[in-house]
Amino acid sequence: MGFSTLLDILGSSLVGGMLLLIMFRLNDASIENSYLYTGNLLVQQNLVSIVDVLNHDFNKIGYCEKWENIPDPAYSILSATDTSISFLTDLPSLSHPYGDGIIDTMKYFSSSVSELTETPNPRDRILYRVVGNSIPKGSNLGVTYFKLTYFDSAGNPLPAPVVTSKIRSIQIDLKLEDIYGYDTENQDKSDSERYANAVWKQLKISSPNLRNR
């Protein structure tokens, strides 16, 4: 009886240990799925926010409530590279929802990855939106790739250095990743497993003012 009881205890301990291990693994999987879902949701929300602002601003290139202040939209884009653009526009406000007729200068550019060292993601950078001569300010929303491609009236890509007066449309390529990631120290995981990501490409977005040149 004593030997049989000992075997029963050992068997129960073995089964209990296996069940406990399974529970730990299920708990880890649940935590990982929850974290990845939250990361994906955050990346998607950040992407929508950035895209909304980009679409609004780029559609306003060369726009002014008093059109005579920008009589020739051909000169509304001041500079253009694959990672930056500067242009003239007329920004709306609460008191002037369609603009106040005063020309504003807006610039977009992305930082280098070396400007950010406090997050686990080694590829994130800041996408700056600067109005006039204000100090460049931006928040880290997880942008890891930002590229601009410019096209002429025939749809041909313009080579660098870009002649801004020939720009008729602009392609925006944008990628966002979770800035913190999950299980980032695990060398067996790929970047796509560590960092939730989302990609957006706007093919040849152009302001109505550019099309009317």
Protein backbone atom coordinates (compact mmCIF):
# COMPACT_ATOMS: atom_id res chain seq x y z
CA MET A 1 0.00 0.00 0.00
CA GLY A 2 2.82 2.40 0.86
CA PHE A 3 4.58 1.83 -2.52
CA SER A 4 1.32 2.20 -4.46
CA THR A 5 0.53 5.42 -2.62
CA LEU A 6 3.99 6.77 -3.43
CA LEU A 7 3.47 6.01 -7.12
CA ASP A 8 0.11 7.77 -7.01
CA ILE A 9 1.72 10.83 -5.45
CA LEU A 10 4.53 10.87 -8.01
CA GLY A 11 2.04 10.45 -10.86
CA SER A 12 -0.18 13.21 -9.55
CA SER A 13 2.83 15.51 -9.13
CA LEU A 14 3.95 14.80 -12.70
CA VAL A 15 0.50 15.46 -14.15
CA GLY A 16 0.08 18.55 -11.97
CA GLY A 17 3.47 19.88 -13.08
CA MET A 18 2.60 19.36 -16.73
CA LEU A 19 -0.74 21.13 -16.29
CA LEU A 20 0.98 23.98 -14.48
CA LEU A 21 3.54 24.30 -17.29
CA ILE A 22 0.74 24.36 -19.87
CA MET A 23 -1.02 27.07 -17.88
CA PHE A 24 2.18 29.16 -17.78
CA ARG A 25 2.61 28.81 -21.54
CA LEU A 26 -1.00 29.72 -22.19
CA ASN A 27 -0.63 32.74 -19.93
CA ASP A 28 2.54 33.83 -21.78
CA ALA A 29 0.78 33.39 -25.13
CA SER A 30 -2.20 35.39 -23.89
CA ILE A 31 0.06 38.23 -22.70
CA GLU A 32 1.97 38.24 -26.00
CA ASN A 33 -1.22 38.28 -28.09
CA SER A 34 -2.65 41.08 -25.98
CA TYR A 35 0.54 43.13 -26.29
CA LEU A 36 0.80 42.56 -30.06
CA TYR A 37 -2.87 43.46 -30.54
CA THR A 38 -2.39 46.67 -28.58
CA GLY A 39 0.77 47.46 -30.55
CA ASN A 40 -0.98 46.88 -33.88
CA LEU A 41 -3.92 49.04 -32.83
CA LEU A 42 -1.63 51.87 -31.74
CA VAL A 43 0.38 51.73 -34.97
CA GLN A 44 -2.79 51.79 -37.08
CA GLN A 45 -4.16 54.77 -35.13
CA ASN A 46 -0.89 56.68 -35.48
CA LEU A 47 -0.79 55.91 -39.21
CA VAL A 48 -4.34 57.22 -39.73
CA SER A 49 -3.49 60.40 -37.82
CA ILE A 50 -0.36 61.11 -39.88
CA VAL A 51 -2.06 60.28 -43.18
CA ASP A 52 -4.97 62.62 -42.42
CA VAL A 53 -2.58 65.51 -41.75
CA LEU A 54 -0.43 64.73 -44.82
CA ASN A 55 -3.46 64.55 -47.11
CA HIS A 56 -4.81 67.83 -45.77
CA ASP A 57 -1.52 69.73 -46.05
CA PHE A 58 -0.42 68.36 -49.42
CA ASN A 59 -3.83 69.18 -50.91
CA LYS A 60 -3.24 72.77 -49.81
CA ILE A 61 0.08 73.20 -51.65
CA GLY A 62 -0.12 76.49 -53.54
CA TYR A 63 -3.50 77.37 -52.05
CA CYS A 64 -4.32 80.84 -50.72
CA GLU A 65 -7.70 82.30 -49.81
CA LYS A 66 -6.59 85.40 -51.70
CA TRP A 67 -5.45 83.64 -54.83
CA GLU A 68 -3.68 86.70 -56.16
CA ASN A 69 -1.08 86.28 -53.41
CA ILE A 70 0.07 83.08 -55.16
CA PRO A 71 -0.72 83.93 -58.79
CA ASP A 72 1.54 81.19 -60.18
CA PRO A 73 1.41 77.86 -58.32
CA ALA A 74 4.48 76.76 -60.29
CA TYR A 75 6.54 78.48 -57.62
CA SER A 76 4.60 77.25 -54.58
CA ILE A 77 7.03 74.37 -53.90
CA LEU A 78 10.24 75.90 -52.62
CA SER A 79 12.41 72.80 -52.21
CA ALA A 80 12.00 69.07 -52.64
CA THR A 81 14.11 66.03 -51.79
CA ASP A 82 13.25 62.39 -51.17
CA THR A 83 12.94 63.04 -47.40
CA SER A 84 11.79 66.67 -47.25
CA ILE A 85 9.57 69.24 -48.92
CA SER A 86 8.91 72.94 -48.35
CA PHE A 87 5.98 74.78 -49.90
CA LEU A 88 3.69 77.81 -49.74
CA THR A 89 0.13 77.52 -48.45
CA ASP A 90 -2.54 79.34 -46.48
CA LEU A 91 -3.30 77.57 -43.21
CA PRO A 92 -6.83 77.61 -41.79
CA SER A 93 -7.63 78.64 -38.22
CA LEU A 94 -10.69 78.80 -35.99
CA SER A 95 -11.35 82.37 -37.03
CA HIS A 96 -10.43 81.76 -40.68
CA PRO A 97 -11.47 78.20 -41.63
CA TYR A 98 -10.48 78.76 -45.26
CA GLY A 99 -7.30 80.68 -44.52
CA ASP A 100 -6.65 84.35 -43.85
CA GLY A 101 -5.09 85.14 -47.22
CA ILE A 102 -1.61 85.45 -45.68
CA ILE A 103 0.96 83.11 -47.20
CA ASP A 104 2.47 80.54 -44.85
CA THR A 105 5.56 78.40 -45.43
CA MET A 106 5.33 74.75 -44.42
CA LYS A 107 8.07 72.16 -44.33
CA TYR A 108 8.07 68.42 -43.78
CA PHE A 109 11.24 66.45 -43.12
CA SER A 110 12.25 63.32 -41.27
CA SER A 111 15.01 63.08 -38.71
CA SER A 112 17.87 60.64 -38.79
CA VAL A 113 17.59 57.54 -36.62
CA SER A 114 20.50 58.80 -34.54
CA GLU A 115 18.25 61.49 -33.01
CA LEU A 116 16.30 58.83 -31.12
CA THR A 117 18.05 56.53 -28.69
CA GLU A 118 15.57 56.14 -25.84
CA THR A 119 13.30 53.55 -27.50
CA PRO A 120 14.01 49.86 -28.13
CA ASN A 121 13.22 50.22 -31.85
CA PRO A 122 16.49 51.16 -33.60
CA ARG A 123 14.73 52.42 -36.74
CA ASP A 124 12.20 54.95 -35.46
CA ARG A 125 12.56 58.61 -36.29
CA ILE A 126 10.62 61.86 -36.00
CA LEU A 127 8.57 63.28 -38.87
CA TYR A 128 8.69 67.06 -38.47
CA ARG A 129 5.99 69.49 -39.57
CA VAL A 130 7.28 73.05 -39.38
CA VAL A 131 5.25 76.20 -40.07
CA GLY A 132 7.16 79.37 -40.93
CA ASN A 133 10.25 80.06 -38.87
CA SER A 134 9.05 78.20 -35.80
CA ILE A 135 11.38 75.80 -34.01
CA PRO A 136 11.05 72.29 -35.48
CA LYS A 137 8.95 70.16 -33.16
CA GLY A 138 7.70 66.66 -33.57
CA SER A 139 6.53 63.63 -31.64
CA ASN A 140 7.70 60.09 -32.08
CA LEU A 141 4.76 58.21 -33.58
CA GLY A 142 6.86 55.32 -34.83
CA VAL A 143 7.80 56.49 -38.34
CA THR A 144 10.59 54.26 -39.64
CA TYR A 145 10.39 55.10 -43.34
CA PHE A 146 9.38 58.31 -45.11
CA LYS A 147 10.09 58.87 -48.80
CA LEU A 148 8.82 61.35 -51.38
CA THR A 149 8.90 60.77 -55.13
CA TYR A 150 8.01 63.55 -57.56
CA PHE A 151 6.45 63.31 -61.03
CA ASP A 152 6.05 65.67 -63.96
CA SER A 153 2.90 66.29 -66.00
CA ALA A 154 3.53 63.13 -68.05
CA GLY A 155 3.83 60.96 -64.93
CA ASN A 156 7.58 60.56 -65.21
CA PRO A 157 9.62 60.56 -61.97
CA LEU A 158 11.81 63.63 -61.59
CA PRO A 159 15.48 62.96 -60.86
CA ALA A 160 17.47 64.68 -58.12
CA PRO A 161 18.07 67.53 -57.77
CA VAL A 162 14.36 68.06 -58.35
CA VAL A 163 13.27 71.06 -60.42
CA THR A 164 10.34 72.15 -58.29
CA SER A 165 8.53 74.00 -61.08
CA LYS A 166 8.08 70.68 -62.91
CA ILE A 167 6.35 68.89 -60.05
CA ARG A 168 2.76 67.95 -60.79
CA SER A 169 2.24 65.06 -58.36
CA ILE A 170 3.93 63.48 -55.39
CA GLN A 171 4.09 59.90 -54.17
CA ILE A 172 4.36 59.37 -50.41
CA ASP A 173 5.75 56.15 -48.95
CA LEU A 174 5.31 55.77 -45.20
CA LYS A 175 5.99 52.98 -42.72
CA LEU A 176 5.26 52.97 -39.00
CA GLU A 177 6.38 50.51 -36.34
CA ASP A 178 5.67 50.07 -32.65
CA ILE A 179 8.40 52.05 -30.88
CA TYR A 180 8.65 49.67 -27.91
CA GLY A 181 7.94 46.27 -29.42
CA TYR A 182 7.52 42.96 -27.62
CA ASP A 183 10.23 40.60 -26.39
CA THR A 184 12.88 42.79 -28.01
CA GLU A 185 15.78 40.94 -26.39
CA ASN A 186 14.81 37.65 -28.03
CA GLN A 187 17.35 37.14 -30.81
CA ASP A 188 15.32 34.31 -32.34
CA LYS A 189 12.56 36.73 -33.33
CA SER A 190 12.50 38.78 -36.50
CA ASP A 191 11.77 42.51 -36.50
CA SER A 192 8.26 41.85 -37.80
CA GLU A 193 7.61 39.70 -34.73
CA ARG A 194 9.09 42.21 -32.28
CA TYR A 195 7.54 45.36 -33.72
CA ALA A 196 4.00 45.68 -35.03
CA ASN A 197 4.07 47.65 -38.29
CA ALA A 198 1.87 49.25 -40.93
CA VAL A 199 2.71 50.53 -44.42
CA TRP A 200 0.93 53.24 -46.43
CA LYS A 201 1.56 54.47 -49.94
CA GLN A 202 -0.29 57.34 -51.58
CA LEU A 203 0.18 57.16 -55.31
CA LYS A 204 0.70 60.54 -56.93
CA ILE A 205 -1.22 62.78 -54.57
CA SER A 206 -1.42 66.28 -55.99
CA SER A 207 -2.92 69.55 -54.92
CA PRO A 208 -5.67 70.92 -57.19
CA ASN A 209 -3.42 73.96 -57.54
CA LEU A 210 -0.62 71.83 -58.98
CA ARG A 211 -2.98 70.21 -61.47
CA ASN A 212 -4.20 73.62 -62.63
CA ARG A 213 -0.79 74.89 -63.70
